[in-house]
């Protein structure tokens, strides 16, 4: 072999090694089965019917989004590169016909519900993908012969975080009142908010109103606009799932798993306290736990009548009737202040149950 041929062969070997190294670097480091969305769908499948085609659809969507991001930057070094990777993820999900609900009543709280194909007329489909509407920028990527799927900001954020987990990206769920988005801590000095609804980066101040006064009255423990931990995010999604379960034992099991993931989630605490306080089949030690959990939830939302209602019923369940009655009267008073009069008869009925020494129902 001549010198020039050796040089060419050596260069080819080096190039092959470089390409192989880059390909390995772009390979996801976490198995798909250990991502947040996959785990949530598996748990949902233990308490509800989840057809196999939904599992297949989720795998396809996560794989496509993962490799779309890797084709951009699996290890972005600046804001522009990180946004390019996020944009590739968003497009990959749009190519799976994941679109945003245009009405609050169509929001999906669980990944299983989000993966339910829509049965739409041609006109209904046209309206969902109309230019200028919330899905207008997604319409160019939609497969016209496949069904659409409604994925709101909560589940959309979950999907993006799941892709990030495969690369080891530090991504967090963030809430702002009833909105969710993703915050990616790309490096110690760089983080990016990514909003599924807008399909792009946002600033914290984009979520505040009245120059931020909306947030000033909220207790310090509320997590709005903060990067939530992985455990808290998991507990949050399990709490949303539990809301759709009619079987008390299944609901309790999901909430108890959520408590293992993060025992400080206010919604989980309140929901589990209610179940413990109102189920006559449970032994007395559960009602004592109900008081503990309800008080912790109430500390995070001291003016919330629904949480106060749980505290009152928890105290009533352990025989502290006088205290339960006073707290329930407080809850009823808050309903009047908030002009939520339609709930007052229900709260008054539980007030009488506490006064009579009975467990709360309803």
Protein backbone atom coordinates (compact mmCIF):
# COMPACT_ATOMS: atom_id res chain seq x y z
CA UNK A 1 0.00 0.00 0.00
CA UNK A 2 1.48 3.35 -1.01
CA UNK A 3 1.87 6.22 1.42
CA UNK A 4 -1.06 8.14 -0.06
CA UNK A 5 -3.33 5.09 0.16
CA UNK A 6 -2.30 4.51 3.79
CA UNK A 7 -3.14 8.12 4.56
CA UNK A 8 -6.55 7.78 2.89
CA UNK A 9 -7.26 4.49 4.72
CA UNK A 10 -6.19 5.99 8.06
CA UNK A 11 -8.41 9.03 7.48
CA UNK A 12 -11.34 6.75 6.67
CA UNK A 13 -10.83 4.80 9.92
CA UNK A 14 -10.63 8.02 11.95
CA UNK A 15 -13.78 9.35 10.29
CA UNK A 16 -15.60 6.07 11.00
CA UNK A 17 -14.57 6.24 14.66
CA UNK A 18 -15.70 9.85 14.93
CA UNK A 19 -19.07 9.07 13.36
CA UNK A 20 -19.51 6.01 15.55
CA UNK A 21 -18.63 8.03 18.65
CA UNK A 22 -21.10 10.75 17.69
CA UNK A 23 -23.82 8.17 17.00
CA UNK A 24 -23.26 6.60 20.40
CA UNK A 25 -23.36 10.02 22.02
CA UNK A 26 -26.69 10.67 20.35
CA UNK A 27 -28.16 7.37 21.54
CA UNK A 28 -30.58 7.86 24.45
CA UNK A 29 -29.11 6.91 27.81
CA UNK A 30 -32.37 5.91 29.52
CA UNK A 31 -34.65 3.14 28.24
CA UNK A 32 -38.03 4.30 26.97
CA UNK A 33 -39.72 2.08 29.57
CA UNK A 34 -38.25 4.20 32.39
CA UNK A 35 -39.58 7.52 31.16
CA UNK A 36 -42.31 9.43 32.98
CA UNK A 37 -44.97 9.01 30.30
CA UNK A 38 -44.39 5.29 29.86
CA UNK A 39 -44.48 4.72 33.63
CA UNK A 40 -47.68 6.75 33.96
CA UNK A 41 -49.35 4.75 31.18
CA UNK A 42 -48.30 1.47 32.80
CA UNK A 43 -49.76 2.54 36.15
CA UNK A 44 -52.93 3.70 34.45
CA UNK A 45 -53.19 0.27 32.85
CA UNK A 46 -53.37 -1.35 36.28
CA UNK A 47 -56.55 0.53 37.22
CA UNK A 48 -58.20 1.27 33.87
CA UNK A 49 -58.39 -0.31 30.45
CA UNK A 50 -55.45 0.77 28.29
CA UNK A 51 -55.52 -0.90 24.84
CA UNK A 52 -52.23 -2.13 23.43
CA UNK A 53 -52.42 0.29 20.51
CA UNK A 54 -52.01 3.20 22.94
CA UNK A 55 -48.76 1.71 24.24
CA UNK A 56 -47.54 1.27 20.67
CA UNK A 57 -48.50 4.86 19.82
CA UNK A 58 -46.67 6.23 22.86
CA UNK A 59 -43.53 4.25 22.04
CA UNK A 60 -43.60 5.47 18.46
CA UNK A 61 -44.07 9.10 19.49
CA UNK A 62 -41.32 9.04 22.13
CA UNK A 63 -38.87 7.26 19.82
CA UNK A 64 -39.50 9.66 16.95
CA UNK A 65 -39.17 12.71 19.19
CA UNK A 66 -36.01 11.32 20.78
CA UNK A 67 -34.22 10.77 17.50
CA UNK A 68 -35.50 14.06 16.09
CA UNK A 69 -33.84 15.83 19.03
CA UNK A 70 -30.65 13.79 18.63
CA UNK A 71 -30.50 14.78 14.98
CA UNK A 72 -30.28 18.38 16.21
CA UNK A 73 -28.33 18.49 19.47
CA UNK A 74 -28.34 15.73 22.08
CA UNK A 75 -25.95 17.86 24.16
CA UNK A 76 -26.78 21.49 23.34
CA UNK A 77 -24.19 24.08 24.31
CA UNK A 78 -26.22 27.26 24.03
CA UNK A 79 -29.77 28.59 24.01
CA UNK A 80 -30.18 28.41 20.24
CA UNK A 81 -29.16 24.75 20.08
CA UNK A 82 -31.48 23.85 22.98
CA UNK A 83 -34.42 25.59 21.30
CA UNK A 84 -33.67 23.76 18.05
CA UNK A 85 -33.84 20.43 19.90
CA UNK A 86 -37.08 21.38 21.64
CA UNK A 87 -38.59 22.51 18.37
CA UNK A 88 -37.67 19.16 16.80
CA UNK A 89 -39.41 17.37 19.68
CA UNK A 90 -42.54 19.49 19.29
CA UNK A 91 -42.66 18.81 15.53
CA UNK A 92 -42.22 15.06 16.05
CA UNK A 93 -45.26 15.00 18.33
CA UNK A 94 -47.25 17.07 15.83
CA UNK A 95 -46.32 14.48 13.19
CA UNK A 96 -48.06 11.95 15.42
CA UNK A 97 -51.17 14.18 15.21
CA UNK A 98 -50.93 15.38 18.81
CA UNK A 99 -52.81 18.69 18.94
CA UNK A 100 -54.02 21.04 21.64
CA UNK A 101 -57.66 21.04 22.81
CA UNK A 102 -59.32 24.35 21.99
CA UNK A 103 -61.79 24.08 24.87
CA UNK A 104 -61.08 23.55 28.58
CA UNK A 105 -63.76 20.85 28.75
CA UNK A 106 -61.74 18.77 26.26
CA UNK A 107 -58.56 18.68 28.37
CA UNK A 108 -57.19 15.22 29.09
CA UNK A 109 -55.81 14.60 32.56
CA UNK A 110 -54.10 11.26 31.83
CA UNK A 111 -51.77 10.00 29.15
CA UNK A 112 -54.19 7.15 28.40
CA UNK A 113 -57.04 9.56 27.72
CA UNK A 114 -54.79 11.77 25.59
CA UNK A 115 -53.95 8.80 23.35
CA UNK A 116 -57.62 8.17 22.57
CA UNK A 117 -58.20 8.84 18.83
CA UNK A 118 -60.81 11.44 18.01
CA UNK A 119 -63.81 10.54 15.89
CA UNK A 120 -64.37 13.79 14.00
CA UNK A 121 -66.30 14.99 11.01
CA UNK A 122 -64.33 16.65 8.24
CA UNK A 123 -65.63 20.05 9.38
CA UNK A 124 -64.69 19.46 13.02
CA UNK A 125 -61.20 18.44 11.98
CA UNK A 126 -60.90 21.52 9.78
CA UNK A 127 -61.88 23.78 12.69
CA UNK A 128 -59.29 22.22 14.99
CA UNK A 129 -56.52 22.82 12.44
CA UNK A 130 -57.69 26.19 11.14
CA UNK A 131 -54.99 28.81 10.41
CA UNK A 132 -54.66 31.33 13.20
CA UNK A 133 -56.09 28.99 15.83
CA UNK A 134 -54.03 27.34 18.57
CA UNK A 135 -53.15 24.41 16.29
CA UNK A 136 -52.50 26.44 13.18
CA UNK A 137 -48.71 26.05 13.41
CA UNK A 138 -49.11 22.29 13.97
CA UNK A 139 -51.36 21.77 10.94
CA UNK A 140 -48.46 21.65 8.44
CA UNK A 141 -47.08 18.53 10.17
CA UNK A 142 -50.36 16.65 10.60
CA UNK A 143 -50.91 13.37 8.78
CA UNK A 144 -54.20 13.95 6.94
CA UNK A 145 -55.27 10.28 6.88
CA UNK A 146 -54.69 9.48 10.57
CA UNK A 147 -56.81 10.43 13.60
CA UNK A 148 -56.06 13.38 15.84
CA UNK A 149 -55.26 13.18 19.56
CA UNK A 150 -55.93 15.89 22.15
CA UNK A 151 -52.84 16.59 24.24
CA UNK A 152 -53.10 19.53 26.63
CA UNK A 153 -50.25 21.45 28.25
CA UNK A 154 -50.02 19.07 31.22
CA UNK A 155 -49.61 15.90 29.15
CA UNK A 156 -47.57 17.72 26.49
CA UNK A 157 -45.10 18.79 29.17
CA UNK A 158 -44.99 15.21 30.44
CA UNK A 159 -44.09 13.96 26.96
CA UNK A 160 -41.32 16.53 26.51
CA UNK A 161 -39.86 15.68 29.92
CA UNK A 162 -39.94 12.00 28.96
CA UNK A 163 -37.81 12.68 25.89
CA UNK A 164 -35.42 14.75 27.99
CA UNK A 165 -35.07 11.91 30.48
CA UNK A 166 -33.67 9.68 27.75
CA UNK A 167 -30.74 12.09 27.27
CA UNK A 168 -30.29 12.87 30.94
CA UNK A 169 -31.48 16.44 30.47
CA UNK A 170 -32.48 18.26 33.65
CA UNK A 171 -36.09 19.11 32.81
CA UNK A 172 -38.76 20.11 35.31
CA UNK A 173 -42.50 20.47 35.23
CA UNK A 174 -43.63 24.01 36.14
CA UNK A 175 -47.15 25.15 37.02
CA UNK A 176 -48.63 28.62 36.84
CA UNK A 177 -52.15 28.56 38.27
CA UNK A 178 -53.86 26.10 35.87
CA UNK A 179 -51.13 26.13 33.19
CA UNK A 180 -48.16 23.79 32.84
CA UNK A 181 -44.89 24.13 30.95
CA UNK A 182 -41.36 22.70 30.97
CA UNK A 183 -38.25 24.35 32.36
CA UNK A 184 -34.99 22.93 31.03
CA UNK A 185 -31.85 23.66 33.04
CA UNK A 186 -29.50 23.27 30.09
CA UNK A 187 -26.41 24.24 32.10
CA UNK A 188 -25.73 25.93 35.46
CA UNK A 189 -26.14 29.36 33.89
CA UNK A 190 -28.81 28.61 31.29
CA UNK A 191 -32.43 27.56 31.57
CA UNK A 192 -35.32 27.72 29.11
CA UNK A 193 -39.08 27.62 29.58
CA UNK A 194 -40.90 25.72 26.83
CA UNK A 195 -44.66 26.01 26.52
CA UNK A 196 -46.50 23.17 24.75
CA UNK A 197 -49.47 25.46 24.09
CA UNK A 198 -47.43 28.15 22.38
CA UNK A 199 -45.00 25.70 20.85
CA UNK A 200 -42.03 27.83 21.83
CA UNK A 201 -39.92 29.41 24.59
CA UNK A 202 -41.49 31.74 27.16
CA UNK A 203 -40.49 33.89 30.11
CA UNK A 204 -41.70 33.56 33.71
CA UNK A 205 -43.38 36.95 33.49
CA UNK A 206 -45.52 35.75 30.60
CA UNK A 207 -47.63 33.84 33.14
CA UNK A 208 -48.24 36.59 35.67
CA UNK A 209 -51.11 39.07 35.52
CA UNK A 210 -51.57 42.52 37.05
CA UNK A 211 -47.79 42.90 37.28
CA UNK A 212 -47.54 39.75 39.33
CA UNK A 213 -50.05 40.69 42.04
CA UNK A 214 -51.94 37.44 41.39
CA UNK A 215 -49.12 35.54 43.08
CA UNK A 216 -48.56 37.79 46.09
CA UNK A 217 -51.44 36.36 48.13
CA UNK A 218 -50.44 32.75 47.69
CA UNK A 219 -48.68 31.00 50.59
CA UNK A 220 -44.97 30.40 50.21
CA UNK A 221 -45.49 26.67 49.97
CA UNK A 222 -47.33 26.92 46.65
CA UNK A 223 -45.04 25.86 43.83
CA UNK A 224 -46.26 28.16 41.07
CA UNK A 225 -43.49 29.17 38.64
CA UNK A 226 -40.99 26.93 40.42
CA UNK A 227 -39.13 23.96 38.99
CA UNK A 228 -40.96 20.97 40.43
CA UNK A 229 -39.06 17.87 41.46
CA UNK A 230 -39.36 14.62 39.51
CA UNK A 231 -41.21 13.04 42.43
CA UNK A 232 -43.64 15.92 42.74
CA UNK A 233 -44.38 15.81 39.01
CA UNK A 234 -45.07 12.08 39.21
CA UNK A 235 -47.33 12.60 42.23
CA UNK A 236 -49.14 15.33 40.34
CA UNK A 237 -49.93 13.07 37.37
CA UNK A 238 -51.05 10.27 39.68
CA UNK A 239 -53.33 12.71 41.45
CA UNK A 240 -54.92 13.64 38.13
CA UNK A 241 -55.38 9.94 37.33
CA UNK A 242 -57.00 9.28 40.71
CA UNK A 243 -59.64 11.91 40.00
CA UNK A 244 -60.97 9.71 37.20
CA UNK A 245 -61.24 6.50 39.23
CA UNK A 246 -64.61 5.54 40.70
CA UNK A 247 -63.37 2.51 42.66
CA UNK A 248 -62.30 3.71 46.16
CA UNK A 249 -59.67 1.00 46.56
CA UNK A 250 -58.10 1.77 43.17
CA UNK A 251 -58.19 5.50 43.87
CA UNK A 252 -56.61 4.97 47.27
CA UNK A 253 -53.86 2.77 45.81
CA UNK A 254 -52.91 5.37 43.19
CA UNK A 255 -52.88 8.18 45.77
CA UNK A 256 -50.78 6.12 48.17
CA UNK A 257 -48.24 5.55 45.40
CA UNK A 258 -48.27 9.31 44.78
CA UNK A 259 -47.49 9.85 48.47
CA UNK A 260 -44.43 7.61 48.06
CA UNK A 261 -43.30 9.72 45.09
CA UNK A 262 -43.76 13.00 47.00
CA UNK A 263 -45.47 13.17 50.39
CA UNK A 264 -45.76 16.97 50.24
CA UNK A 265 -48.16 17.24 47.27
CA UNK A 266 -51.11 19.24 48.61
CA UNK A 267 -53.68 17.75 46.25
CA UNK A 268 -52.62 14.20 47.05
CA UNK A 269 -52.68 14.93 50.79
CA UNK A 270 -56.17 16.40 50.61
CA UNK A 271 -57.59 13.63 48.40
CA UNK A 272 -56.09 10.83 50.47
CA UNK A 273 -57.22 12.48 53.71
CA UNK A 274 -60.77 12.59 52.34
CA UNK A 275 -60.72 8.88 51.50
CA UNK A 276 -59.29 7.95 54.89
CA UNK A 277 -61.79 10.15 56.73
CA UNK A 278 -64.93 9.00 54.92
CA UNK A 279 -64.50 5.26 54.24
CA UNK A 280 -66.24 3.34 57.06
CA UNK A 281 -64.45 0.11 56.05
CA UNK A 282 -61.06 1.45 57.08
CA UNK A 283 -59.78 1.05 60.66
CA UNK A 284 -59.45 4.02 63.00
CA UNK A 285 -55.73 4.56 62.46
CA UNK A 286 -56.52 5.69 58.89
CA UNK A 287 -58.74 8.46 60.24
CA UNK A 288 -55.89 9.65 62.43
CA UNK A 289 -53.71 9.81 59.30
CA UNK A 290 -56.52 11.76 57.63
CA UNK A 291 -56.14 14.54 60.21
CA UNK A 292 -52.38 14.69 59.61
CA UNK A 293 -52.66 14.84 55.82
CA UNK A 294 -55.60 17.27 55.81
CA UNK A 295 -53.85 19.73 58.11
CA UNK A 296 -50.73 19.65 55.94
CA UNK A 297 -52.81 20.37 52.83
CA UNK A 298 -54.67 23.15 54.64
CA UNK A 299 -51.38 24.83 55.59
CA UNK A 300 -50.70 25.25 51.85
CA UNK A 301 -54.17 26.61 51.07
CA UNK A 302 -55.60 28.10 54.29
CA UNK A 303 -58.49 29.88 52.58
CA UNK A 304 -59.60 27.02 50.35
CA UNK A 305 -63.08 25.87 51.47
CA UNK A 306 -62.71 22.43 49.88
CA UNK A 307 -59.58 21.69 51.90
CA UNK A 308 -61.16 23.09 55.07
CA UNK A 309 -64.10 20.75 54.41
CA UNK A 310 -61.69 17.80 54.43
CA UNK A 311 -60.10 18.99 57.68
CA UNK A 312 -63.52 19.32 59.32
CA UNK A 313 -64.54 15.80 58.26
CA UNK A 314 -61.17 14.40 59.39
CA UNK A 315 -61.62 15.89 62.87
CA UNK A 316 -65.20 14.64 62.96
CA UNK A 317 -63.95 11.17 62.07
CA UNK A 318 -61.71 11.01 65.18
CA UNK A 319 -64.43 12.30 67.51
CA UNK A 320 -63.36 15.96 67.64
CA UNK A 321 -66.85 17.14 66.79
CA UNK A 322 -66.66 20.66 68.21
CA UNK A 323 -63.48 21.44 66.27
CA UNK A 324 -64.89 19.84 63.13
CA UNK A 325 -68.07 21.92 63.38
CA UNK A 326 -66.15 25.20 63.70
CA UNK A 327 -63.92 24.42 60.74
CA UNK A 328 -66.91 23.40 58.61
CA UNK A 329 -68.64 26.67 59.46
CA UNK A 330 -65.48 28.46 58.33
CA UNK A 331 -65.60 26.52 55.05
CA UNK A 332 -69.25 27.48 54.50
CA UNK A 333 -68.40 31.11 55.23
CA UNK A 334 -65.64 31.02 52.61
CA UNK A 335 -68.11 29.65 50.06
CA UNK A 336 -70.38 32.63 50.72
CA UNK A 337 -67.45 35.05 50.37
CA UNK A 338 -66.52 33.43 47.06
CA UNK A 339 -70.17 33.43 45.91
CA UNK A 340 -70.15 29.68 45.41
CA UNK A 341 -73.61 29.31 46.90
CA UNK A 342 -74.52 26.19 44.94
CA UNK A 343 -72.08 24.18 47.09
CA UNK A 344 -73.41 25.41 50.41
CA UNK A 345 -76.22 22.79 50.80
CA UNK A 346 -73.65 20.00 50.34
CA UNK A 347 -71.34 21.51 52.96
CA UNK A 348 -74.24 22.10 55.34
CA UNK A 349 -75.25 18.45 55.02
CA UNK A 350 -71.75 17.42 56.11
CA UNK A 351 -71.93 19.91 58.96
CA UNK A 352 -74.96 18.03 60.29
CA UNK A 353 -73.15 14.71 59.86
CA UNK A 354 -70.26 15.99 61.97
CA UNK A 355 -72.66 17.36 64.61
CA UNK A 356 -74.38 13.96 64.80
CA UNK A 357 -71.11 12.08 65.21
CA UNK A 358 -71.26 10.43 61.78
CA UNK A 359 -68.61 10.09 59.11
CA UNK A 360 -68.89 12.56 56.26
CA UNK A 361 -70.28 11.41 52.92
CA UNK A 362 -70.75 13.02 49.53
